[in-house]
Amino acid sequence: MSEMLTAVSVLDEQVLNIYSVTHPADIDAAMEKARLAAKVWAKTDLNQRIKILAKLQAVILAELDNITEVIMSATGKVKTEVILGEIYPVLALLSYYEKNAACILAPCSVHTAALLFPQASAEIERRPYGVVAIISPWNFPFQLTLNPLLTALFCGNAGIFKLSELSLPVGDLLMQLLSRLALPDGLVQQVIGKSETGEQLIKARPDLVFFTGGVAAGRAVMACAAQHPIPVILELGGKDAMLVFSDANLQRAVNAALYGAFSNSGQVCVSVERCYVEADCYAEFIAMLKIATANLNVGHGDLGDLGGLTSLKQFAVIEAHYLDALAKGAKASAPLRLEGRYLHPVVLWDVTQDMLVMREETFGPLLPIMAFNTEQQAIALANDSDYGLNASVWSKDITKAERVAKQLQVGNWAVNDVLKNIGHAGLPFGGVKNSGFGRYHGAEGLRQFSYTVAGLTSRSVLNDEPNWFPYSDKRYLDMRGFIDFMFGSGSFYQRIARNWQALQGFRGYASLNLRQHWQNLLIFLLKNS
């Protein structure tokens, strides 16, 4: 008998559905089905693929309210957060790739040196991997499943996805939406289960794995994929820093810190989890932030700002970080208060770099604040982390802010804005250090779901090439002269003069016509240098 999983609404704890965990044999069957579909889809003209996938935008818009309700029940988000964090990024990515995918994925020619490759041309083309396995988390199950899945499909791949066991109704929703498109049978499939099912999906040998989640799980995915081996893209956690200089617009910075730290109750991989404020404005910033935090509305009322915790297990981590900070001397704006699934946000200040709340990913509505004195100290503090996903810098001096941002060890940064840079469909997104590797979004992100094939075509009618056998001392001297001509010191004319004899005999041609060909080519280069 199959193991069963029960999906429960985060809003009222009511049972939404009961699911059977996908059996390993069914995962293997799904993989075979996906491979057949991928072959059909890859042969479909790119512009036709784009046209088919672009229709999803209208499908989503027509189902907007229903999508919002499903995601709210599965995650505990408030309605506005669903629109901003789940639906908008998908629509933006769809629109971006509809306009740009054909250009991004088009074959491109590569310059070929006429001397070494006469009558030859070179090009790079991109091909789909085949089947992409997508393993997504519970905090943004709609966006963080659909965006990599769509990216895979634009490139010509098939996709098999596994959502968190906390997000299964969103998987049903995705399959319903995608069924409205004219996709080959089996091109998109879902498997259901916990981490063991994700491992079985990787063991079924997809051609690429895209994983979003925590560092420990990412290591497990990477280790499993390495056994086959399968390339992976890992989008892992963050401990994102916000650097506020005294010349910043403090009211804007306070409002941004509020949103950056407490959006989706802090359950965001790019949440502001460390805030460094210049000493000159430190006290004022904290005073303003305490007032603003106290005015936030927690709950799903008409004015609700913060929804519930999707996973109550996360509260244990949040509580441990809060208590550790207080024990080591930090001050808090309020006691840690959990009402059902609703956790009220807390500002912590006078924190130190050794506290858990400054070292480990909290993934909850805590905002720790620490003072700095100099620009270099701010940079050093921000970089003193095992993570490197996103960061923001706040100053009216844009030159200074960008100078600081470009010294931060992160995959993404913003100046005088927060989180929103991640929603820019044209910017590649991903991290460094323990925040993972690989990118999605933008041109670079689309290309990472395909692999390059490089080709060289020769149109030469000659019977040999300068690098072919037989070798001789003369061939060595000719090649030595050619290398000095191409890469040696001195001007173009000096290199020609000292290597003229070697270049004439470079091919070892017996034919006067062929020697004349090279001489004509060299004269042409001289005239056009």
Protein backbone atom coordinates (compact mmCIF):
# COMPACT_ATOMS: atom_id res chain seq x y z
CA MET A 1 0.00 0.00 0.00
CA SER A 2 1.30 3.45 -0.94
CA GLU A 3 2.28 5.95 1.71
CA MET A 4 -0.23 8.80 1.95
CA LEU A 5 0.35 12.52 2.48
CA THR A 6 -2.31 14.90 3.77
CA ALA A 7 -2.42 18.51 2.58
CA VAL A 8 -3.76 20.90 5.22
CA SER A 9 -4.77 24.55 4.80
CA VAL A 10 -2.43 26.91 6.62
CA LEU A 11 -5.39 29.28 7.03
CA ASP A 12 -7.77 27.04 8.99
CA GLU A 13 -6.03 23.64 9.36
CA GLN A 14 -8.72 21.97 7.24
CA VAL A 15 -7.74 18.97 5.10
CA LEU A 16 -7.44 20.02 1.45
CA ASN A 17 -6.58 16.67 -0.13
CA ILE A 18 -4.89 13.33 0.45
CA TYR A 19 -2.14 12.20 -1.92
CA SER A 20 -0.39 8.91 -2.68
CA VAL A 21 3.39 9.06 -2.66
CA THR A 22 4.76 8.26 -6.11
CA HIS A 23 6.26 4.75 -6.26
CA PRO A 24 9.86 4.45 -7.53
CA ALA A 25 8.68 2.32 -10.46
CA ASP A 26 6.23 5.07 -11.44
CA ILE A 27 9.05 7.62 -11.31
CA ASP A 28 11.06 5.49 -13.75
CA ALA A 29 8.01 5.23 -16.01
CA ALA A 30 7.50 9.00 -15.85
CA MET A 31 11.13 9.50 -16.83
CA GLU A 32 10.76 7.31 -19.90
CA LYS A 33 7.57 9.11 -20.89
CA ALA A 34 9.31 12.46 -20.43
CA ARG A 35 12.22 11.38 -22.63
CA LEU A 36 9.87 10.55 -25.50
CA ALA A 37 8.05 13.87 -25.08
CA ALA A 38 11.33 15.77 -24.89
CA LYS A 39 12.39 14.42 -28.30
CA VAL A 40 9.16 15.67 -29.85
CA TRP A 41 9.35 19.05 -28.10
CA ALA A 42 13.02 19.60 -28.99
CA LYS A 43 12.19 19.12 -32.68
CA THR A 44 9.43 21.73 -32.43
CA ASP A 45 10.56 25.02 -33.93
CA LEU A 46 11.72 27.44 -31.24
CA ASN A 47 9.32 30.16 -32.35
CA GLN A 48 6.46 27.68 -32.15
CA ARG A 49 7.52 26.65 -28.63
CA ILE A 50 7.56 30.31 -27.63
CA LYS A 51 4.10 30.86 -29.10
CA ILE A 52 2.66 27.88 -27.20
CA LEU A 53 4.24 28.77 -23.84
CA ALA A 54 3.33 32.46 -24.10
CA LYS A 55 -0.36 31.48 -23.98
CA LEU A 56 0.10 30.57 -20.32
CA GLN A 57 0.05 34.27 -19.50
CA ALA A 58 -3.59 34.59 -20.54
CA VAL A 59 -4.43 31.36 -18.69
CA ILE A 60 -2.92 32.72 -15.46
CA LEU A 61 -4.68 36.07 -15.79
CA ALA A 62 -8.03 34.37 -16.32
CA GLU A 63 -7.50 32.24 -13.18
CA LEU A 64 -5.90 34.93 -11.03
CA ASP A 65 -8.31 34.81 -8.09
CA ASN A 66 -8.41 31.01 -7.99
CA ILE A 67 -4.61 30.82 -8.13
CA THR A 68 -4.41 33.32 -5.27
CA GLU A 69 -6.79 31.29 -3.09
CA VAL A 70 -4.92 28.03 -3.67
CA ILE A 71 -1.54 29.58 -2.86
CA MET A 72 -2.91 31.34 0.22
CA SER A 73 -4.26 28.06 1.60
CA ALA A 74 -1.00 26.20 0.94
CA THR A 75 1.44 28.84 2.20
CA GLY A 76 -0.38 31.17 4.58
CA LYS A 77 0.54 34.24 2.54
CA VAL A 78 -1.72 37.28 2.45
CA LYS A 79 -3.32 38.02 -0.93
CA THR A 80 -1.08 40.91 -1.89
CA GLU A 81 2.00 38.84 -1.13
CA VAL A 82 0.71 36.12 -3.46
CA ILE A 83 0.35 38.61 -6.29
CA LEU A 84 3.72 40.26 -5.69
CA GLY A 85 5.86 37.26 -4.80
CA GLU A 86 4.28 34.35 -6.66
CA ILE A 87 2.30 35.47 -9.70
CA TYR A 88 4.00 38.64 -10.93
CA PRO A 89 7.48 37.02 -11.28
CA VAL A 90 6.02 34.25 -13.43
CA LEU A 91 4.19 36.68 -15.71
CA ALA A 92 7.32 38.85 -15.98
CA LEU A 93 9.51 35.87 -16.91
CA LEU A 94 6.99 34.66 -19.48
CA SER A 95 6.89 38.08 -21.07
CA TYR A 96 10.68 38.43 -21.10
CA TYR A 97 11.29 35.05 -22.73
CA GLU A 98 8.46 35.52 -25.21
CA LYS A 99 10.32 38.59 -26.48
CA ASN A 100 13.92 37.42 -26.09
CA ALA A 101 14.22 33.61 -26.08
CA ALA A 102 14.64 33.31 -29.86
CA CYS A 103 17.57 35.71 -29.84
CA ILE A 104 19.14 34.27 -26.68
CA LEU A 105 19.06 30.68 -27.94
CA ALA A 106 19.96 31.41 -31.58
CA PRO A 107 23.16 29.86 -32.97
CA CYS A 108 26.03 32.31 -33.20
CA SER A 109 29.10 32.42 -35.41
CA VAL A 110 32.58 32.64 -33.89
CA HIS A 111 35.51 34.54 -35.42
CA THR A 112 37.98 32.18 -37.02
CA ALA A 113 41.62 33.14 -37.70
CA ALA A 114 42.14 33.02 -41.45
CA LEU A 115 45.81 32.00 -41.23
CA LEU A 116 45.24 28.92 -39.13
CA PHE A 117 41.78 28.08 -40.43
CA PRO A 118 41.67 29.14 -44.08
CA GLN A 119 38.27 28.74 -45.74
CA ALA A 120 36.69 27.67 -42.44
CA SER A 121 33.81 28.89 -40.32
CA ALA A 122 32.83 28.17 -36.72
CA GLU A 123 29.60 28.41 -34.78
CA ILE A 124 28.01 27.60 -31.43
CA GLU A 125 24.52 26.16 -31.12
CA ARG A 126 22.52 25.36 -28.02
CA ARG A 127 20.66 22.11 -27.41
CA PRO A 128 18.23 21.10 -24.67
CA TYR A 129 19.51 18.70 -22.03
CA GLY A 130 16.49 16.42 -22.33
CA VAL A 131 14.62 15.96 -19.04
CA VAL A 132 15.01 18.48 -16.22
CA ALA A 133 14.09 17.49 -12.66
CA ILE A 134 12.86 20.43 -10.59
CA ILE A 135 12.71 20.12 -6.79
CA SER A 136 11.09 23.16 -5.21
CA PRO A 137 10.51 24.48 -1.66
CA TRP A 138 7.42 25.38 0.36
CA ASN A 139 7.93 29.13 0.74
CA PHE A 140 7.21 30.10 -2.91
CA PRO A 141 5.87 26.88 -4.46
CA PHE A 142 4.18 28.49 -7.45
CA GLN A 143 6.99 30.80 -8.59
CA LEU A 144 9.93 28.57 -7.64
CA THR A 145 8.44 25.60 -9.49
CA LEU A 146 6.93 27.29 -12.52
CA ASN A 147 9.79 29.67 -13.37
CA PRO A 148 12.50 27.00 -13.69
CA LEU A 149 9.99 24.68 -15.36
CA LEU A 150 9.11 27.29 -17.98
CA THR A 151 12.79 28.05 -18.51
CA ALA A 152 13.40 24.37 -19.17
CA LEU A 153 10.47 24.23 -21.62
CA PHE A 154 11.54 27.31 -23.57
CA CYS A 155 14.89 25.58 -24.15
CA GLY A 156 13.18 22.45 -25.50
CA ASN A 157 13.39 20.21 -22.42
CA ALA A 158 10.77 18.14 -20.66
CA GLY A 159 10.23 18.73 -16.95
CA ILE A 160 9.36 16.57 -13.96
CA PHE A 161 8.76 18.50 -10.76
CA LYS A 162 8.48 17.61 -7.10
CA LEU A 163 7.09 20.19 -4.72
CA SER A 164 7.49 20.17 -0.97
CA GLU A 165 5.01 17.89 0.74
CA LEU A 166 3.60 21.09 2.30
CA SER A 167 2.65 22.49 -1.11
CA LEU A 168 0.93 19.65 -2.95
CA PRO A 169 -2.28 21.54 -3.90
CA VAL A 170 -0.07 24.00 -5.80
CA GLY A 171 1.22 21.07 -7.86
CA ASP A 172 -2.36 20.18 -8.82
CA LEU A 173 -2.90 23.82 -9.78
CA LEU A 174 0.22 23.89 -11.98
CA MET A 175 -0.80 20.72 -13.82
CA GLN A 176 -4.28 22.17 -14.43
CA LEU A 177 -2.89 25.42 -15.82
CA LEU A 178 -0.32 23.74 -18.05
CA SER A 179 -2.91 21.28 -19.37
CA ARG A 180 -4.48 24.26 -21.18
CA LEU A 181 -1.42 24.48 -23.44
CA ALA A 182 -0.77 22.37 -26.54
CA LEU A 183 2.18 20.47 -25.02
CA PRO A 184 3.22 16.92 -25.97
CA ASP A 185 1.85 14.25 -23.66
CA GLY A 186 4.27 13.63 -20.80
CA LEU A 187 6.27 16.80 -21.34
CA VAL A 188 5.36 18.07 -17.86
CA GLN A 189 4.79 15.64 -14.99
CA GLN A 190 4.62 15.76 -11.22
CA VAL A 191 5.90 13.30 -8.64
CA ILE A 192 4.69 13.40 -5.04
CA GLY A 193 6.57 12.70 -1.85
CA LYS A 194 9.15 13.87 0.67
CA SER A 195 12.94 14.01 0.37
CA GLU A 196 13.15 10.29 -0.41
CA THR A 197 11.05 10.85 -3.52
CA GLY A 198 13.37 13.65 -4.59
CA GLU A 199 16.30 11.27 -4.24
CA GLN A 200 14.47 8.63 -6.31
CA LEU A 201 13.76 11.22 -8.98
CA ILE A 202 17.48 11.99 -9.24
CA LYS A 203 18.33 8.28 -9.31
CA ALA A 204 15.98 7.95 -12.31
CA ARG A 205 18.68 9.94 -14.12
CA PRO A 206 17.25 13.16 -15.46
CA ASP A 207 19.65 15.17 -17.59
CA LEU A 208 19.71 18.25 -15.32
CA VAL A 209 18.58 18.90 -11.74
CA PHE A 210 17.35 22.28 -10.56
CA PHE A 211 17.01 22.45 -6.78
CA THR A 212 15.80 25.25 -4.53
CA GLY A 213 16.07 24.79 -0.77
CA GLY A 214 18.38 24.72 2.23
CA VAL A 215 22.13 24.11 2.27
CA ALA A 216 21.97 20.66 3.87
CA ALA A 217 19.38 19.43 1.38
CA GLY A 218 21.38 21.00 -1.46
CA ARG A 219 24.46 19.04 -0.45
CA ALA A 220 22.40 15.83 -0.42
CA VAL A 221 21.03 16.58 -3.90
CA MET A 222 24.51 17.31 -5.21
CA ALA A 223 25.94 14.11 -3.71
CA CYS A 224 23.14 12.02 -5.21
CA ALA A 225 23.46 13.64 -8.63
CA ALA A 226 27.24 13.15 -8.57
CA GLN A 227 26.82 9.37 -8.54
CA HIS A 228 25.54 9.32 -12.12
CA PRO A 229 26.82 12.14 -12.79
CA ILE A 230 24.14 14.75 -13.50
CA PRO A 231 24.71 18.53 -13.68
CA VAL A 232 22.90 20.53 -11.01
CA ILE A 233 21.82 24.12 -10.43
CA LEU A 234 21.49 24.92 -6.73
CA GLU A 235 19.55 27.93 -5.45
CA LEU A 236 20.11 27.72 -1.70
CA GLY A 237 19.62 29.91 1.35
CA GLY A 238 20.75 33.40 2.18
CA LYS A 239 21.74 35.66 5.06
CA ASP A 240 21.29 38.87 3.16
CA ALA A 241 22.82 42.10 4.43
CA MET A 242 21.38 45.60 4.26
CA LEU A 243 23.96 48.40 4.62
CA VAL A 244 22.53 51.79 5.64
CA PHE A 245 24.80 54.84 5.54
CA SER A 246 24.00 58.00 7.47
CA ASP A 247 23.46 59.97 4.25
CA ALA A 248 20.64 57.64 3.15
CA ASN A 249 17.00 58.62 2.96
CA LEU A 250 16.28 57.12 6.38
CA GLN A 251 12.51 56.97 6.01
CA ARG A 252 12.84 55.06 2.75
CA ALA A 253 15.50 52.79 4.28
CA VAL A 254 13.28 52.05 7.30
CA ASN A 255 10.34 51.18 5.07
CA ALA A 256 12.57 48.99 2.95
CA ALA A 257 14.00 47.19 5.98
CA LEU A 258 10.47 46.54 7.19
CA TYR A 259 9.45 45.01 3.88
CA GLY A 260 12.76 43.26 3.22
CA ALA A 261 12.83 41.54 6.60
CA PHE A 262 9.14 40.79 7.20
CA SER A 263 7.69 40.12 3.75
CA ASN A 264 6.07 36.67 3.81
CA SER A 265 6.91 36.62 7.53
CA GLY A 266 10.59 36.46 6.67
CA GLN A 267 10.16 33.18 4.77
CA VAL A 268 12.11 34.42 1.76
CA CYS A 269 15.58 33.27 0.69
CA VAL A 270 16.49 36.91 -0.01
CA SER A 271 15.00 38.35 3.18
CA VAL A 272 17.01 41.05 4.92
CA GLU A 273 18.47 38.93 7.73
CA ARG A 274 21.29 41.28 8.77
CA CYS A 275 21.06 45.06 8.90
CA TYR A 276 24.21 47.15 9.36
CA VAL A 277 23.61 50.84 10.10
CA GLU A 278 26.20 53.60 10.29
CA ALA A 279 26.77 54.70 13.89
CA ASP A 280 25.77 58.33 13.22
CA CYS A 281 22.18 57.35 12.43
CA TYR A 282 21.97 54.04 14.32
CA ALA A 283 19.78 55.22 17.23
CA GLU A 284 17.46 57.22 14.98
CA PHE A 285 17.07 54.31 12.56
CA ILE A 286 16.17 51.88 15.36
CA ALA A 287 13.66 54.29 16.88
CA MET A 288 11.91 54.75 13.53
CA LEU A 289 11.99 51.03 12.79
CA LYS A 290 10.47 50.07 16.17
CA ILE A 291 7.50 52.36 15.52
CA ALA A 292 7.03 51.06 11.98
CA THR A 293 7.22 47.42 13.12
CA ALA A 294 4.62 47.97 15.83
CA ASN A 295 2.24 49.32 13.19
CA LEU A 296 2.36 46.22 10.99
CA ASN A 297 -0.85 44.17 10.81
CA VAL A 298 -0.46 40.43 11.36
CA GLY A 299 -3.20 38.20 9.98
CA HIS A 300 -5.47 37.72 6.99
CA GLY A 301 -7.79 40.66 7.54
CA ASP A 302 -8.39 43.35 4.93
CA LEU A 303 -5.29 45.19 6.19
CA GLY A 304 -3.14 42.11 6.79
CA ASP A 305 0.59 42.61 6.09
CA LEU A 306 2.05 39.37 7.47
CA GLY A 307 0.47 35.98 6.99
CA GLY A 308 1.16 32.74 8.83
CA LEU A 309 4.16 30.45 9.05
CA THR A 310 3.91 27.81 6.34
CA SER A 311 5.84 25.32 8.47
CA LEU A 312 5.50 25.47 12.23
CA LYS A 313 8.75 23.47 12.46
CA GLN A 314 10.56 26.66 11.45
CA PHE A 315 9.47 28.33 14.70
CA ALA A 316 11.99 26.26 16.65
CA VAL A 317 14.83 27.83 14.61
CA ILE A 318 13.41 31.33 14.96
CA GLU A 319 12.97 30.93 18.72
CA ALA A 320 16.50 29.57 19.16
CA HIS A 321 17.95 32.59 17.33
CA TYR A 322 15.84 35.01 19.37
CA LEU A 323 16.79 33.49 22.72
CA ASP A 324 20.47 33.21 21.81
CA ALA A 325 20.54 36.92 20.88
CA LEU A 326 18.94 37.98 24.18
CA ALA A 327 21.25 35.74 26.17
CA LYS A 328 24.26 37.42 24.54
CA GLY A 329 23.10 40.96 25.23
CA ALA A 330 20.82 41.97 22.37
CA LYS A 331 17.69 44.08 22.97
CA ALA A 332 14.30 43.25 21.45
CA SER A 333 11.36 45.41 20.40
CA ALA A 334 8.89 42.82 21.78
CA PRO A 335 8.62 39.32 23.16
CA LEU A 336 8.44 36.52 20.60
CA ARG A 337 4.69 35.97 20.18
CA LEU A 338 3.18 33.10 18.18
CA GLU A 339 -0.60 33.00 17.87
CA GLY A 340 -1.60 29.89 15.99
CA ARG A 341 0.56 30.21 12.87
CA TYR A 342 0.88 34.00 13.14
CA LEU A 343 4.27 35.12 14.43
CA HIS A 344 4.60 38.81 15.29
CA PRO A 345 7.74 40.50 13.91
CA VAL A 346 10.58 41.54 16.22
CA VAL A 347 13.48 43.98 15.80
CA LEU A 348 16.73 43.08 17.59
CA TRP A 349 19.54 45.59 18.11
CA ASP A 350 22.93 45.77 19.81
CA VAL A 351 23.53 42.38 18.24
CA THR A 352 27.02 41.02 17.66
CA GLN A 353 28.46 39.11 14.75
CA ASP A 354 28.81 35.88 16.77
CA MET A 355 25.07 35.53 17.50
CA LEU A 356 23.13 32.78 15.73
CA VAL A 357 20.77 35.36 14.31
CA MET A 358 23.74 36.89 12.45
CA ARG A 359 25.36 33.62 11.36
CA GLU A 360 22.61 31.13 10.46
CA GLU A 361 19.57 31.46 8.21
CA THR A 362 16.58 32.37 10.40
CA PHE A 363 13.80 32.27 7.79
CA GLY A 364 11.40 34.13 10.02
CA PRO A 365 10.34 37.66 11.06
CA LEU A 366 13.40 38.71 13.07
CA LEU A 367 15.46 41.74 12.03
CA PRO A 368 18.86 42.06 13.77
CA ILE A 369 20.62 45.44 13.57
CA MET A 370 24.29 46.22 14.21
CA ALA A 371 26.27 49.48 13.99
CA PHE A 372 29.33 50.16 11.84
CA ASN A 373 31.74 53.11 11.73
CA THR A 374 33.46 53.05 8.34
CA GLU A 375 32.76 52.00 4.80
CA GLN A 376 35.39 49.27 4.92
CA GLN A 377 34.02 47.93 8.20
CA ALA A 378 30.54 47.72 6.66
CA ILE A 379 31.90 45.75 3.70
CA ALA A 380 33.87 43.41 5.97
CA LEU A 381 30.85 42.73 8.18
CA ALA A 382 28.58 42.04 5.20
CA ASN A 383 31.13 39.66 3.68
CA ASP A 384 31.67 37.84 6.99
CA SER A 385 29.10 35.18 6.18
CA ASP A 386 28.95 31.68 4.75
CA TYR A 387 26.17 32.88 2.46
CA GLY A 388 26.20 35.17 -0.56
CA LEU A 389 22.83 35.54 -2.23
CA ASN A 390 21.63 39.15 -2.23
CA ALA A 391 22.42 42.47 -0.53
CA SER A 392 21.36 46.12 -0.58
CA VAL A 393 23.24 49.37 0.00
CA TRP A 394 21.55 52.62 1.07
CA SER A 395 23.01 56.07 0.42
CA LYS A 396 22.17 59.23 -1.50
CA ASP A 397 25.74 59.10 -2.81
CA ILE A 398 25.15 56.67 -5.68
CA THR A 399 28.84 56.48 -6.58
CA LYS A 400 29.69 55.39 -3.04
CA ALA A 401 26.75 52.99 -2.83
CA GLU A 402 27.68 51.25 -6.08
CA ARG A 403 31.35 51.14 -5.06
CA VAL A 404 30.35 49.34 -1.85
CA ALA A 405 27.88 47.04 -3.58
CA LYS A 406 30.50 45.89 -6.07
CA GLN A 407 32.75 44.74 -3.22
CA LEU A 408 30.12 42.50 -1.65
CA GLN A 409 30.48 38.73 -2.04
CA VAL A 410 27.02 38.08 -3.43
CA GLY A 411 25.35 36.97 -6.63
CA ASN A 412 22.98 39.95 -6.65
CA TRP A 413 22.81 43.45 -5.18
CA ALA A 414 20.60 46.53 -5.21
CA VAL A 415 21.18 50.17 -4.35
CA ASN A 416 18.37 52.00 -2.52
CA ASP A 417 15.92 49.16 -3.12
CA VAL A 418 15.30 45.76 -1.63
CA LEU A 419 14.13 42.33 -2.90
CA LYS A 420 12.75 43.87 -6.09
CA ASN A 421 15.94 43.23 -8.05
CA ILE A 422 15.16 39.51 -7.81
CA GLY A 423 11.92 40.13 -9.69
CA HIS A 424 13.75 41.65 -12.68
CA ALA A 425 13.23 38.98 -15.35
CA GLY A 426 16.26 40.14 -17.33
CA LEU A 427 18.74 39.80 -14.46
CA PRO A 428 20.27 36.38 -13.78
CA PHE A 429 19.62 35.20 -10.23
CA GLY A 430 21.74 32.94 -8.03
CA GLY A 431 24.28 32.93 -5.25
CA VAL A 432 27.87 32.31 -4.27
CA LYS A 433 29.41 30.49 -1.31
CA ASN A 434 26.77 28.45 0.57
CA SER A 435 24.00 30.17 -1.36
CA GLY A 436 24.58 27.83 -4.29
CA PHE A 437 25.73 28.11 -7.88
CA GLY A 438 24.23 28.38 -11.33
CA ARG A 439 21.72 30.99 -12.45
CA TYR A 440 18.21 31.34 -13.71
CA HIS A 441 16.25 34.34 -15.02
CA GLY A 442 17.65 36.50 -17.79
CA ALA A 443 19.65 35.40 -20.81
CA GLU A 444 22.26 33.58 -18.73
CA GLY A 445 19.58 31.72 -16.82
CA LEU A 446 17.88 30.52 -19.99
CA ARG A 447 21.15 29.32 -21.47
CA GLN A 448 21.93 27.26 -18.35
CA PHE A 449 19.02 24.96 -19.19
CA SER A 450 20.75 24.04 -22.44
CA TYR A 451 24.25 22.94 -23.38
CA THR A 452 26.56 24.27 -26.06
CA VAL A 453 27.68 22.39 -29.15
CA ALA A 454 30.61 23.94 -31.00
CA GLY A 455 31.12 23.25 -34.70
CA LEU A 456 33.88 23.96 -37.24
CA THR A 457 33.31 23.65 -41.00
CA SER A 458 36.25 23.63 -43.43
CA ARG A 459 35.71 24.39 -47.12
CA SER A 460 39.34 23.80 -48.02
CA VAL A 461 40.14 21.72 -51.11
CA LEU A 462 43.74 21.10 -49.97
CA ASN A 463 44.97 17.63 -49.27
CA ASP A 464 46.67 18.45 -45.98
CA GLU A 465 46.78 20.93 -43.09
CA PRO A 466 49.82 22.52 -41.37
CA ASN A 467 49.28 20.50 -38.19
CA TRP A 468 48.96 17.15 -39.94
CA PHE A 469 51.73 14.56 -40.45
CA PRO A 470 54.50 14.23 -41.46
CA TYR A 471 56.45 16.24 -38.89
CA SER A 472 60.01 17.48 -39.48
CA ASP A 473 62.54 19.98 -38.18
CA LYS A 474 61.43 22.35 -40.91
CA ARG A 475 57.78 21.95 -39.81
CA TYR A 476 58.89 22.74 -36.27
CA LEU A 477 60.67 25.93 -37.39
CA ASP A 478 57.68 26.96 -39.53
CA MET A 479 55.30 26.47 -36.61
CA ARG A 480 57.67 28.26 -34.26
CA GLY A 481 57.76 31.21 -36.62
CA PHE A 482 53.98 31.18 -36.97
CA ILE A 483 53.54 31.25 -33.17
CA ASP A 484 55.97 34.16 -32.87
CA PHE A 485 54.08 35.99 -35.63
CA MET A 486 50.73 35.46 -33.88
CA PHE A 487 51.71 36.03 -30.25
CA GLY A 488 55.25 37.43 -30.09
CA SER A 489 56.42 40.88 -29.06
CA GLY A 490 56.83 43.89 -31.33
CA SER A 491 54.62 45.50 -33.93
CA PHE A 492 52.74 43.63 -36.62
CA TYR A 493 55.37 44.70 -39.18
CA GLN A 494 58.27 43.57 -36.99
CA ARG A 495 56.69 40.15 -36.49
CA ILE A 496 56.04 39.81 -40.23
CA ALA A 497 59.61 40.76 -41.09
CA ARG A 498 61.34 38.33 -38.76
CA ASN A 499 59.02 35.43 -39.60
CA TRP A 500 58.47 35.99 -43.33
CA GLN A 501 60.42 32.90 -44.37
CA ALA A 502 58.62 30.67 -41.89
CA LEU A 503 55.22 31.97 -42.96
CA GLN A 504 55.99 31.27 -46.62
CA GLY A 505 56.82 27.70 -45.81
CA PHE A 506 54.23 27.34 -43.09
CA ARG A 507 52.18 24.79 -45.00
CA GLY A 508 55.18 23.14 -46.64
CA TYR A 509 53.34 23.55 -49.93
CA ALA A 510 54.97 22.28 -53.12
CA SER A 511 52.54 24.25 -55.23
CA LEU A 512 53.53 27.79 -56.23
CA ASN A 513 49.83 28.69 -56.35
CA LEU A 514 49.39 27.76 -52.69
CA ARG A 515 52.47 29.72 -51.65
CA GLN A 516 51.10 32.65 -53.63
CA HIS A 517 47.80 32.26 -51.73
CA TRP A 518 49.60 32.77 -48.42
CA GLN A 519 51.68 35.65 -49.71
CA ASN A 520 48.56 37.40 -50.98
CA LEU A 521 46.90 36.86 -47.63
CA LEU A 522 49.86 38.35 -45.76
CA ILE A 523 49.95 41.35 -48.09
CA PHE A 524 46.25 41.87 -47.41
CA LEU A 525 46.88 41.74 -43.65
CA LEU A 526 49.72 44.26 -43.98
CA LYS A 527 47.55 46.69 -45.88
CA ASN A 528 44.67 46.40 -43.42
CA SER A 529 46.54 46.25 -40.10
